[in-house]
Amino acid sequence: MQSIFDAITEWLKALLVEGIMENLGGLFTGVNEQVGEIAAQVGMTPAAWNAGVFSMIRQLSETVILPIAGLVLTFVMDYELIQMLVDHNNLHNFDTWIFIEWIFKTFAAVLVLSNTFNIVMAVFDVSQHVVQQSAGLIQGSTAVTPEALDNMQAQLEAMELGPLLGMFLQSFFVQFTMTALNIVVFVIVYGRMIEIYLMTSLAPIPFSTIANREAGHMGHNYFKSLFAVGFQGMLIMVCMAICAVLVQGIAMGGDLMGAIWTCVGYTVLLCFVLFKTGSLSKSIWGAH
């Protein structure tokens, strides 16, 4: 009778160990894959992320917004000319060079406005290059070794049935938190790209004000906002890298129960920090 009871106990222990390893092993080994997927998403330019949406946004910008930006540019440059004339005592101190300066500024403003999309895409090309370079370093240093997983399994096999049952329930909860993390990452990454498309669609209007000293703050702030949104991807990658390194440390630990709840805490903290990357990036670039 005792042998039957022991056999059932061993069978239940093996079943629980297998379930725990499936939950936690998938968590630890999946972190690096998640970092790679995020790197691929945040490292894409607007044109590469979704060609169909980008084409629609570009057509709207060039056919609807660009004519309005042309009117804004006309008003801004007329105001600029009037301001230059007033600054020189209503032409009493007449200098021919002020008209040459105005013509040059107008030419430069028209040139910038006509190449708005090239400038915007150049900003995201730079941020994409930075994210791709950082992704290579991050993915190469956060992998959990198979020896760590084998050590974890050995610790589980040495535990009794009761603690294993509690461990299984906790590991199931960890899987739930990681699912929530995936949803948060999806919202942030896709929301960031939609924000980029919205900013790109209205790009000609702020670009049309750059030539003027008083109204130019609109264009300057927009340009800083572009860099902020672009380099937000870098901050997202740094957050995921920190999470990956912390999870790697958990996998090497000896207290498995403490490791599970520490991982839950790291997951909640990561979700909070990911939501802060947008405002942090704007703060760094001085955009508002």
C-alpha atoms as a PDB file:
ATOM      1  CA  MET A   1       0.000   0.000   0.000  1.00  0.00           C
ATOM      2  CA  GLN A   2       2.813   2.371   0.900  1.00  0.00           C
ATOM      3  CA  SER A   3       4.539   1.653  -2.395  1.00  0.00           C
ATOM      4  CA  ILE A   4       1.367   2.595  -4.301  1.00  0.00           C
ATOM      5  CA  PHE A   5       1.113   5.835  -2.331  1.00  0.00           C
ATOM      6  CA  ASP A   6       4.786   6.609  -2.992  1.00  0.00           C
ATOM      7  CA  ALA A   7       4.328   5.902  -6.706  1.00  0.00           C
ATOM      8  CA  ILE A   8       1.343   8.264  -6.884  1.00  0.00           C
ATOM      9  CA  THR A   9       3.320  10.909  -4.984  1.00  0.00           C
ATOM     10  CA  GLU A  10       6.277  10.602  -7.337  1.00  0.00           C
ATOM     11  CA  TRP A  11       3.955  10.778 -10.338  1.00  0.00           C
ATOM     12  CA  LEU A  12       2.320  13.946  -9.005  1.00  0.00           C
ATOM     13  CA  LYS A  13       5.733  15.456  -8.224  1.00  0.00           C
ATOM     14  CA  ALA A  14       6.964  14.718 -11.752  1.00  0.00           C
ATOM     15  CA  LEU A  15       3.793  16.213 -13.184  1.00  0.00           C
ATOM     16  CA  LEU A  16       4.143  19.383 -11.099  1.00  0.00           C
ATOM     17  CA  VAL A  17       7.851  19.719 -11.871  1.00  0.00           C
ATOM     18  CA  GLU A  18       7.095  19.412 -15.569  1.00  0.00           C
ATOM     19  CA  GLY A  19       4.370  22.064 -15.305  1.00  0.00           C
ATOM     20  CA  ILE A  20       6.573  24.433 -13.326  1.00  0.00           C
ATOM     21  CA  MET A  21       9.454  24.016 -15.758  1.00  0.00           C
ATOM     22  CA  GLU A  22       7.111  24.669 -18.645  1.00  0.00           C
ATOM     23  CA  ASN A  23       5.879  27.887 -17.043  1.00  0.00           C
ATOM     24  CA  LEU A  24       9.159  29.227 -15.664  1.00  0.00           C
ATOM     25  CA  GLY A  25      11.418  27.763 -18.328  1.00  0.00           C
ATOM     26  CA  GLY A  26       9.300  29.345 -21.019  1.00  0.00           C
ATOM     27  CA  LEU A  27       9.426  32.623 -19.098  1.00  0.00           C
ATOM     28  CA  PHE A  28      13.211  32.681 -18.749  1.00  0.00           C
ATOM     29  CA  THR A  29      14.037  31.499 -22.246  1.00  0.00           C
ATOM     30  CA  GLY A  30      11.336  33.697 -23.823  1.00  0.00           C
ATOM     31  CA  VAL A  31      12.740  36.953 -22.480  1.00  0.00           C
ATOM     32  CA  ASN A  32      15.482  37.117 -25.091  1.00  0.00           C
ATOM     33  CA  GLU A  33      13.012  36.299 -27.869  1.00  0.00           C
ATOM     34  CA  GLN A  34      10.746  39.082 -26.620  1.00  0.00           C
ATOM     35  CA  VAL A  35      13.647  41.532 -26.671  1.00  0.00           C
ATOM     36  CA  GLY A  36      14.370  40.520 -30.255  1.00  0.00           C
ATOM     37  CA  GLU A  37      10.747  41.013 -31.323  1.00  0.00           C
ATOM     38  CA  ILE A  38      10.588  44.445 -29.715  1.00  0.00           C
ATOM     39  CA  ALA A  39      13.888  45.398 -31.338  1.00  0.00           C
ATOM     40  CA  ALA A  40      12.449  44.472 -34.724  1.00  0.00           C
ATOM     41  CA  GLN A  41       9.293  46.534 -34.088  1.00  0.00           C
ATOM     42  CA  VAL A  42      10.807  49.714 -32.618  1.00  0.00           C
ATOM     43  CA  GLY A  43      13.710  49.612 -35.067  1.00  0.00           C
ATOM     44  CA  MET A  44      11.457  49.975 -38.110  1.00  0.00           C
ATOM     45  CA  THR A  45      10.956  53.239 -39.940  1.00  0.00           C
ATOM     46  CA  PRO A  46       7.370  54.355 -40.658  1.00  0.00           C
ATOM     47  CA  ALA A  47       7.752  53.245 -44.284  1.00  0.00           C
ATOM     48  CA  ALA A  48       8.952  49.761 -43.328  1.00  0.00           C
ATOM     49  CA  TRP A  49       6.490  49.174 -40.474  1.00  0.00           C
ATOM     50  CA  ASN A  50       3.393  49.291 -42.696  1.00  0.00           C
ATOM     51  CA  ALA A  51       3.829  50.392 -46.288  1.00  0.00           C
ATOM     52  CA  GLY A  52       0.086  50.727 -46.904  1.00  0.00           C
ATOM     53  CA  VAL A  53      -0.535  53.036 -43.946  1.00  0.00           C
ATOM     54  CA  PHE A  54       2.590  55.051 -44.737  1.00  0.00           C
ATOM     55  CA  SER A  55       1.496  55.558 -48.341  1.00  0.00           C
ATOM     56  CA  MET A  56      -1.923  56.777 -47.178  1.00  0.00           C
ATOM     57  CA  ILE A  57      -0.372  59.178 -44.639  1.00  0.00           C
ATOM     58  CA  ARG A  58       2.018  60.549 -47.241  1.00  0.00           C
ATOM     59  CA  GLN A  59      -0.748  61.158 -49.761  1.00  0.00           C
ATOM     60  CA  LEU A  60      -2.868  62.931 -47.153  1.00  0.00           C
ATOM     61  CA  SER A  61       0.074  65.068 -46.123  1.00  0.00           C
ATOM     62  CA  GLU A  62       1.060  66.033 -49.664  1.00  0.00           C
ATOM     63  CA  THR A  63      -2.442  66.616 -51.048  1.00  0.00           C
ATOM     64  CA  VAL A  64      -4.251  68.071 -48.025  1.00  0.00           C
ATOM     65  CA  ILE A  65      -1.735  69.436 -45.520  1.00  0.00           C
ATOM     66  CA  LEU A  66       0.992  70.696 -47.866  1.00  0.00           C
ATOM     67  CA  PRO A  67      -1.229  73.333 -49.592  1.00  0.00           C
ATOM     68  CA  ILE A  68      -2.224  74.648 -46.162  1.00  0.00           C
ATOM     69  CA  ALA A  69       1.437  74.709 -45.161  1.00  0.00           C
ATOM     70  CA  GLY A  70       2.148  76.707 -48.344  1.00  0.00           C
ATOM     71  CA  LEU A  71      -0.357  79.338 -47.250  1.00  0.00           C
ATOM     72  CA  VAL A  72       1.181  79.410 -43.794  1.00  0.00           C
ATOM     73  CA  LEU A  73       4.637  79.803 -45.312  1.00  0.00           C
ATOM     74  CA  THR A  74       3.387  82.703 -47.486  1.00  0.00           C
ATOM     75  CA  PHE A  75       2.002  84.477 -44.437  1.00  0.00           C
ATOM     76  CA  VAL A  76       5.142  83.795 -42.396  1.00  0.00           C
ATOM     77  CA  MET A  77       7.508  85.104 -45.061  1.00  0.00           C
ATOM     78  CA  ASP A  78       5.358  88.218 -45.702  1.00  0.00           C
ATOM     79  CA  TYR A  79       5.384  88.875 -41.981  1.00  0.00           C
ATOM     80  CA  GLU A  80       9.140  88.286 -41.980  1.00  0.00           C
ATOM     81  CA  LEU A  81       9.619  90.900 -44.733  1.00  0.00           C
ATOM     82  CA  ILE A  82       7.465  93.456 -42.922  1.00  0.00           C
ATOM     83  CA  GLN A  83       9.375  92.806 -39.727  1.00  0.00           C
ATOM     84  CA  MET A  84      12.711  93.306 -41.497  1.00  0.00           C
ATOM     85  CA  LEU A  85      11.527  96.608 -42.982  1.00  0.00           C
ATOM     86  CA  VAL A  86      10.259  97.862 -39.630  1.00  0.00           C
ATOM     87  CA  ASP A  87      13.499  96.889 -37.944  1.00  0.00           C
ATOM     88  CA  HIS A  88      15.324  99.178 -40.396  1.00  0.00           C
ATOM     89  CA  ASN A  89      13.260 102.267 -39.595  1.00  0.00           C
ATOM     90  CA  ASN A  90      10.725 101.827 -42.408  1.00  0.00           C
ATOM     91  CA  LEU A  91      13.392 101.893 -45.137  1.00  0.00           C
ATOM     92  CA  HIS A  92      14.917 105.174 -43.922  1.00  0.00           C
ATOM     93  CA  ASN A  93      18.081 103.189 -43.350  1.00  0.00           C
ATOM     94  CA  PHE A  94      17.801 101.329 -46.600  1.00  0.00           C
ATOM     95  CA  ASP A  95      20.105  98.400 -47.293  1.00  0.00           C
ATOM     96  CA  THR A  96      19.747  96.219 -50.358  1.00  0.00           C
ATOM     97  CA  TRP A  97      21.088  93.211 -48.510  1.00  0.00           C
ATOM     98  CA  ILE A  98      17.910  92.836 -46.443  1.00  0.00           C
ATOM     99  CA  PHE A  99      16.006  91.844 -49.597  1.00  0.00           C
ATOM    100  CA  ILE A 100      18.769  89.418 -50.509  1.00  0.00           C
ATOM    101  CA  GLU A 101      18.530  87.976 -47.001  1.00  0.00           C
ATOM    102  CA  TRP A 102      14.757  87.671 -47.293  1.00  0.00           C
ATOM    103  CA  ILE A 103      15.009  85.969 -50.694  1.00  0.00           C
ATOM    104  CA  PHE A 104      17.564  83.521 -49.321  1.00  0.00           C
ATOM    105  CA  LYS A 105      15.424  82.725 -46.256  1.00  0.00           C
ATOM    106  CA  THR A 106      12.367  82.239 -48.451  1.00  0.00           C
ATOM    107  CA  PHE A 107      14.292  79.934 -50.760  1.00  0.00           C
ATOM    108  CA  ALA A 108      15.575  77.926 -47.794  1.00  0.00           C
ATOM    109  CA  ALA A 109      12.067  77.727 -46.285  1.00  0.00           C
ATOM    110  CA  VAL A 110      10.564  76.502 -49.572  1.00  0.00           C
ATOM    111  CA  LEU A 111      13.381  73.980 -49.930  1.00  0.00           C
ATOM    112  CA  VAL A 112      12.779  72.639 -46.425  1.00  0.00           C
ATOM    113  CA  LEU A 113       9.018  72.487 -46.956  1.00  0.00           C
ATOM    114  CA  SER A 114       9.332  70.654 -50.268  1.00  0.00           C
ATOM    115  CA  ASN A 115      11.614  68.054 -48.642  1.00  0.00           C
ATOM    116  CA  THR A 116       9.613  67.592 -45.452  1.00  0.00           C
ATOM    117  CA  PHE A 117       9.219  63.844 -45.829  1.00  0.00           C
ATOM    118  CA  ASN A 118      12.902  63.336 -46.595  1.00  0.00           C
ATOM    119  CA  ILE A 119      13.845  65.215 -43.422  1.00  0.00           C
ATOM    120  CA  VAL A 120      11.329  63.328 -41.281  1.00  0.00           C
ATOM    121  CA  MET A 121      12.479  59.969 -42.642  1.00  0.00           C
ATOM    122  CA  ALA A 122      16.108  60.931 -42.022  1.00  0.00           C
ATOM    123  CA  VAL A 123      15.315  61.423 -38.333  1.00  0.00           C
ATOM    124  CA  PHE A 124      13.792  57.952 -38.083  1.00  0.00           C
ATOM    125  CA  ASP A 125      16.634  56.423 -40.093  1.00  0.00           C
ATOM    126  CA  VAL A 126      19.047  57.710 -37.442  1.00  0.00           C
ATOM    127  CA  SER A 127      16.928  56.382 -34.554  1.00  0.00           C
ATOM    128  CA  GLN A 128      16.472  53.053 -36.357  1.00  0.00           C
ATOM    129  CA  HIS A 129      20.250  52.684 -36.708  1.00  0.00           C
ATOM    130  CA  VAL A 130      20.743  53.370 -32.983  1.00  0.00           C
ATOM    131  CA  VAL A 131      18.085  50.819 -31.982  1.00  0.00           C
ATOM    132  CA  GLN A 132      19.503  48.138 -34.273  1.00  0.00           C
ATOM    133  CA  GLN A 133      23.024  48.667 -32.958  1.00  0.00           C
ATOM    134  CA  SER A 134      21.841  48.487 -29.339  1.00  0.00           C
ATOM    135  CA  ALA A 135      19.717  45.408 -30.046  1.00  0.00           C
ATOM    136  CA  GLY A 136      22.795  43.441 -31.096  1.00  0.00           C
ATOM    137  CA  LEU A 137      24.552  44.221 -27.815  1.00  0.00           C
ATOM    138  CA  ILE A 138      21.471  43.573 -25.680  1.00  0.00           C
ATOM    139  CA  GLN A 139      20.539  40.224 -27.200  1.00  0.00           C
ATOM    140  CA  GLY A 140      24.085  38.962 -26.913  1.00  0.00           C
ATOM    141  CA  SER A 141      24.271  39.435 -23.126  1.00  0.00           C
ATOM    142  CA  THR A 142      20.888  38.389 -21.710  1.00  0.00           C
ATOM    143  CA  ALA A 143      20.503  34.744 -22.688  1.00  0.00           C
ATOM    144  CA  VAL A 144      19.722  32.307 -19.847  1.00  0.00           C
ATOM    145  CA  THR A 145      22.000  29.294 -20.102  1.00  0.00           C
ATOM    146  CA  PRO A 146      20.635  25.701 -20.195  1.00  0.00           C
ATOM    147  CA  GLU A 147      22.759  24.929 -17.112  1.00  0.00           C
ATOM    148  CA  ALA A 148      20.695  27.422 -15.097  1.00  0.00           C
ATOM    149  CA  LEU A 149      17.458  25.720 -16.139  1.00  0.00           C
ATOM    150  CA  ASP A 150      18.903  22.290 -15.292  1.00  0.00           C
ATOM    151  CA  ASN A 151      19.905  23.600 -11.851  1.00  0.00           C
ATOM    152  CA  MET A 152      16.385  24.933 -11.323  1.00  0.00           C
ATOM    153  CA  GLN A 153      14.859  21.579 -12.283  1.00  0.00           C
ATOM    154  CA  ALA A 154      17.153  19.755  -9.850  1.00  0.00           C
ATOM    155  CA  GLN A 155      16.004  22.031  -7.032  1.00  0.00           C
ATOM    156  CA  LEU A 156      12.364  21.367  -7.915  1.00  0.00           C
ATOM    157  CA  GLU A 157      12.842  17.595  -7.968  1.00  0.00           C
ATOM    158  CA  ALA A 158      14.283  17.763  -4.447  1.00  0.00           C
ATOM    159  CA  MET A 159      11.175  19.513  -3.055  1.00  0.00           C
ATOM    160  CA  GLU A 160       8.167  17.841  -1.421  1.00  0.00           C
ATOM    161  CA  LEU A 161       4.706  17.574  -2.960  1.00  0.00           C
ATOM    162  CA  GLY A 162       3.110  20.399  -0.937  1.00  0.00           C
ATOM    163  CA  PRO A 163       5.679  23.100  -1.782  1.00  0.00           C
ATOM    164  CA  LEU A 164       5.643  21.942  -5.405  1.00  0.00           C
ATOM    165  CA  LEU A 165       1.884  22.480  -5.589  1.00  0.00           C
ATOM    166  CA  GLY A 166       2.280  26.013  -4.223  1.00  0.00           C
ATOM    167  CA  MET A 167       5.134  26.613  -6.631  1.00  0.00           C
ATOM    168  CA  PHE A 168       2.989  25.464  -9.540  1.00  0.00           C
ATOM    169  CA  LEU A 169       0.179  27.872  -8.659  1.00  0.00           C
ATOM    170  CA  GLN A 170       2.632  30.747  -8.303  1.00  0.00           C
ATOM    171  CA  SER A 171       4.337  29.918 -11.587  1.00  0.00           C
ATOM    172  CA  PHE A 172       0.921  29.954 -13.274  1.00  0.00           C
ATOM    173  CA  PHE A 173       0.378  33.470 -11.898  1.00  0.00           C
ATOM    174  CA  VAL A 174       3.766  34.512 -13.282  1.00  0.00           C
ATOM    175  CA  GLN A 175       2.678  33.317 -16.711  1.00  0.00           C
ATOM    176  CA  PHE A 176      -0.415  35.505 -16.386  1.00  0.00           C
ATOM    177  CA  THR A 177       1.698  38.574 -15.528  1.00  0.00           C
ATOM    178  CA  MET A 178       3.921  37.946 -18.535  1.00  0.00           C
ATOM    179  CA  THR A 179       0.832  37.796 -20.738  1.00  0.00           C
ATOM    180  CA  ALA A 180      -0.190  41.169 -19.301  1.00  0.00           C
ATOM    181  CA  LEU A 181       3.320  42.460 -20.038  1.00  0.00           C
ATOM    182  CA  ASN A 182       3.004  41.353 -23.654  1.00  0.00           C
ATOM    183  CA  ILE A 183      -0.250  43.332 -23.939  1.00  0.00           C
ATOM    184  CA  VAL A 184       1.396  46.412 -22.416  1.00  0.00           C
ATOM    185  CA  VAL A 185       4.368  46.150 -24.768  1.00  0.00           C
ATOM    186  CA  PHE A 186       1.991  45.739 -27.724  1.00  0.00           C
ATOM    187  CA  VAL A 187       0.042  48.870 -26.740  1.00  0.00           C
ATOM    188  CA  ILE A 188       3.191  50.961 -26.229  1.00  0.00           C
ATOM    189  CA  VAL A 189       5.035  49.831 -29.371  1.00  0.00           C
ATOM    190  CA  TYR A 190       2.026  50.088 -31.686  1.00  0.00           C
ATOM    191  CA  GLY A 191       0.821  53.276 -30.009  1.00  0.00           C
ATOM    192  CA  ARG A 192       4.245  54.832 -30.562  1.00  0.00           C
ATOM    193  CA  MET A 193       4.132  53.976 -34.263  1.00  0.00           C
ATOM    194  CA  ILE A 194       0.612  55.397 -34.639  1.00  0.00           C
ATOM    195  CA  GLU A 195       1.852  58.572 -32.920  1.00  0.00           C
ATOM    196  CA  ILE A 196       4.676  58.725 -35.468  1.00  0.00           C
ATOM    197  CA  TYR A 197       2.191  58.451 -38.337  1.00  0.00           C
ATOM    198  CA  LEU A 198       0.022  61.201 -36.853  1.00  0.00           C
ATOM    199  CA  MET A 199       3.021  63.491 -36.420  1.00  0.00           C
ATOM    200  CA  THR A 200       4.242  62.709 -39.930  1.00  0.00           C
ATOM    201  CA  SER A 201       0.871  63.533 -41.481  1.00  0.00           C
ATOM    202  CA  LEU A 202       1.018  67.128 -40.152  1.00  0.00           C
ATOM    203  CA  ALA A 203       4.753  67.619 -40.672  1.00  0.00           C
ATOM    204  CA  PRO A 204       4.516  70.345 -43.382  1.00  0.00           C
ATOM    205  CA  ILE A 205       2.691  72.831 -41.112  1.00  0.00           C
ATOM    206  CA  PRO A 206       5.340  73.144 -38.363  1.00  0.00           C
ATOM    207  CA  PHE A 207       8.099  72.971 -40.984  1.00  0.00           C
ATOM    208  CA  SER A 208       6.591  76.021 -42.716  1.00  0.00           C
ATOM    209  CA  THR A 209       7.257  78.204 -39.639  1.00  0.00           C
ATOM    210  CA  ILE A 210      10.946  77.435 -39.134  1.00  0.00           C
ATOM    211  CA  ALA A 211      12.229  80.474 -41.053  1.00  0.00           C
ATOM    212  CA  ASN A 212      10.583  83.005 -38.719  1.00  0.00           C
ATOM    213  CA  ARG A 213      12.112  83.933 -35.377  1.00  0.00           C
ATOM    214  CA  GLU A 214       8.822  84.369 -33.543  1.00  0.00           C
ATOM    215  CA  ALA A 215       6.782  81.531 -35.063  1.00  0.00           C
ATOM    216  CA  GLY A 216       9.781  79.249 -35.542  1.00  0.00           C
ATOM    217  CA  HIS A 217       9.457  77.763 -32.069  1.00  0.00           C
ATOM    218  CA  MET A 218       6.612  75.619 -33.461  1.00  0.00           C
ATOM    219  CA  GLY A 219       8.872  74.013 -36.039  1.00  0.00           C
ATOM    220  CA  HIS A 220      11.798  73.710 -33.643  1.00  0.00           C
ATOM    221  CA  ASN A 221       9.668  71.993 -31.010  1.00  0.00           C
ATOM    222  CA  TYR A 222       8.192  69.676 -33.641  1.00  0.00           C
ATOM    223  CA  PHE A 223      11.674  68.725 -34.790  1.00  0.00           C
ATOM    224  CA  LYS A 224      12.694  67.919 -31.203  1.00  0.00           C
ATOM    225  CA  SER A 225       9.489  65.903 -30.796  1.00  0.00           C
ATOM    226  CA  LEU A 226      10.461  63.823 -33.829  1.00  0.00           C
ATOM    227  CA  PHE A 227      13.769  62.922 -32.231  1.00  0.00           C
ATOM    228  CA  ALA A 228      12.005  62.235 -28.922  1.00  0.00           C
ATOM    229  CA  VAL A 229       9.532  59.778 -30.484  1.00  0.00           C
ATOM    230  CA  GLY A 230      12.277  58.173 -32.573  1.00  0.00           C
ATOM    231  CA  PHE A 231      14.636  57.631 -29.644  1.00  0.00           C
ATOM    232  CA  GLN A 232      11.793  56.421 -27.424  1.00  0.00           C
ATOM    233  CA  GLY A 233      12.480  53.091 -29.127  1.00  0.00           C
ATOM    234  CA  MET A 234      15.982  53.175 -27.660  1.00  0.00           C
ATOM    235  CA  LEU A 235      14.568  53.706 -24.162  1.00  0.00           C
ATOM    236  CA  ILE A 236      12.132  50.813 -24.674  1.00  0.00           C
ATOM    237  CA  MET A 237      15.066  48.606 -25.631  1.00  0.00           C
ATOM    238  CA  VAL A 238      16.999  49.686 -22.540  1.00  0.00           C
ATOM    239  CA  CYS A 239      13.989  48.855 -20.331  1.00  0.00           C
ATOM    240  CA  MET A 240      13.689  45.401 -21.870  1.00  0.00           C
ATOM    241  CA  ALA A 241      17.437  44.854 -21.513  1.00  0.00           C
ATOM    242  CA  ILE A 242      17.298  45.709 -17.813  1.00  0.00           C
ATOM    243  CA  CYS A 243      14.383  43.315 -17.386  1.00  0.00           C
ATOM    244  CA  ALA A 244      16.267  40.561 -19.237  1.00  0.00           C
ATOM    245  CA  VAL A 245      19.374  40.962 -17.091  1.00  0.00           C
ATOM    246  CA  LEU A 246      17.299  40.933 -13.891  1.00  0.00           C
ATOM    247  CA  VAL A 247      15.449  37.804 -15.011  1.00  0.00           C
ATOM    248  CA  GLN A 248      18.781  36.185 -15.800  1.00  0.00           C
ATOM    249  CA  GLY A 249      19.862  36.879 -12.227  1.00  0.00           C
ATOM    250  CA  ILE A 250      16.620  35.351 -10.933  1.00  0.00           C
ATOM    251  CA  ALA A 251      17.220  32.184 -12.938  1.00  0.00           C
ATOM    252  CA  MET A 252      20.605  31.779 -11.267  1.00  0.00           C
ATOM    253  CA  GLY A 253      19.193  32.204  -7.752  1.00  0.00           C
ATOM    254  CA  GLY A 254      18.551  29.426  -5.225  1.00  0.00           C
ATOM    255  CA  ASP A 255      15.264  30.546  -3.636  1.00  0.00           C
ATOM    256  CA  LEU A 256      12.738  29.639  -6.308  1.00  0.00           C
ATOM    257  CA  MET A 257       9.683  30.979  -4.477  1.00  0.00           C
ATOM    258  CA  GLY A 258      11.400  34.278  -3.838  1.00  0.00           C
ATOM    259  CA  ALA A 259      12.537  34.298  -7.454  1.00  0.00           C
ATOM    260  CA  ILE A 260       8.972  33.922  -8.708  1.00  0.00           C
ATOM    261  CA  TRP A 261       7.647  36.878  -6.729  1.00  0.00           C
ATOM    262  CA  THR A 262      10.707  38.952  -7.553  1.00  0.00           C
ATOM    263  CA  CYS A 263       9.987  38.288 -11.220  1.00  0.00           C
ATOM    264  CA  VAL A 264       6.399  39.457 -10.717  1.00  0.00           C
ATOM    265  CA  GLY A 265       7.694  42.660  -9.134  1.00  0.00           C
ATOM    266  CA  TYR A 266      10.112  43.222 -12.008  1.00  0.00           C
ATOM    267  CA  THR A 267       7.271  42.704 -14.489  1.00  0.00           C
ATOM    268  CA  VAL A 268       5.015  45.276 -12.811  1.00  0.00           C
ATOM    269  CA  LEU A 269       7.919  47.720 -12.570  1.00  0.00           C
ATOM    270  CA  LEU A 270       8.774  47.191 -16.231  1.00  0.00           C
ATOM    271  CA  CYS A 271       5.186  47.937 -17.288  1.00  0.00           C
ATOM    272  CA  PHE A 272       5.278  51.179 -15.298  1.00  0.00           C
ATOM    273  CA  VAL A 273       8.627  52.269 -16.729  1.00  0.00           C
ATOM    274  CA  LEU A 274       7.582  51.453 -20.304  1.00  0.00           C
ATOM    275  CA  PHE A 275       4.672  53.874 -19.965  1.00  0.00           C
ATOM    276  CA  LYS A 276       7.160  56.547 -18.827  1.00  0.00           C
ATOM    277  CA  THR A 277       9.508  56.209 -21.811  1.00  0.00           C
ATOM    278  CA  GLY A 278       7.523  58.678 -23.939  1.00  0.00           C
ATOM    279  CA  SER A 279       7.554  61.530 -21.412  1.00  0.00           C
ATOM    280  CA  LEU A 280      11.160  60.767 -20.455  1.00  0.00           C
ATOM    281  CA  SER A 281      12.322  60.951 -24.065  1.00  0.00           C
ATOM    282  CA  LYS A 282      10.519  64.269 -24.592  1.00  0.00           C
ATOM    283  CA  SER A 283      12.073  65.602 -21.407  1.00  0.00           C
ATOM    284  CA  ILE A 284      15.555  64.622 -22.581  1.00  0.00           C
ATOM    285  CA  TRP A 285      15.091  66.320 -25.969  1.00  0.00           C
ATOM    286  CA  GLY A 286      13.390  69.360 -24.458  1.00  0.00           C
ATOM    287  CA  ALA A 287      10.150  68.816 -26.403  1.00  0.00           C
ATOM    288  CA  HIS A 288       6.823  69.907 -24.985  1.00  0.00           C
END
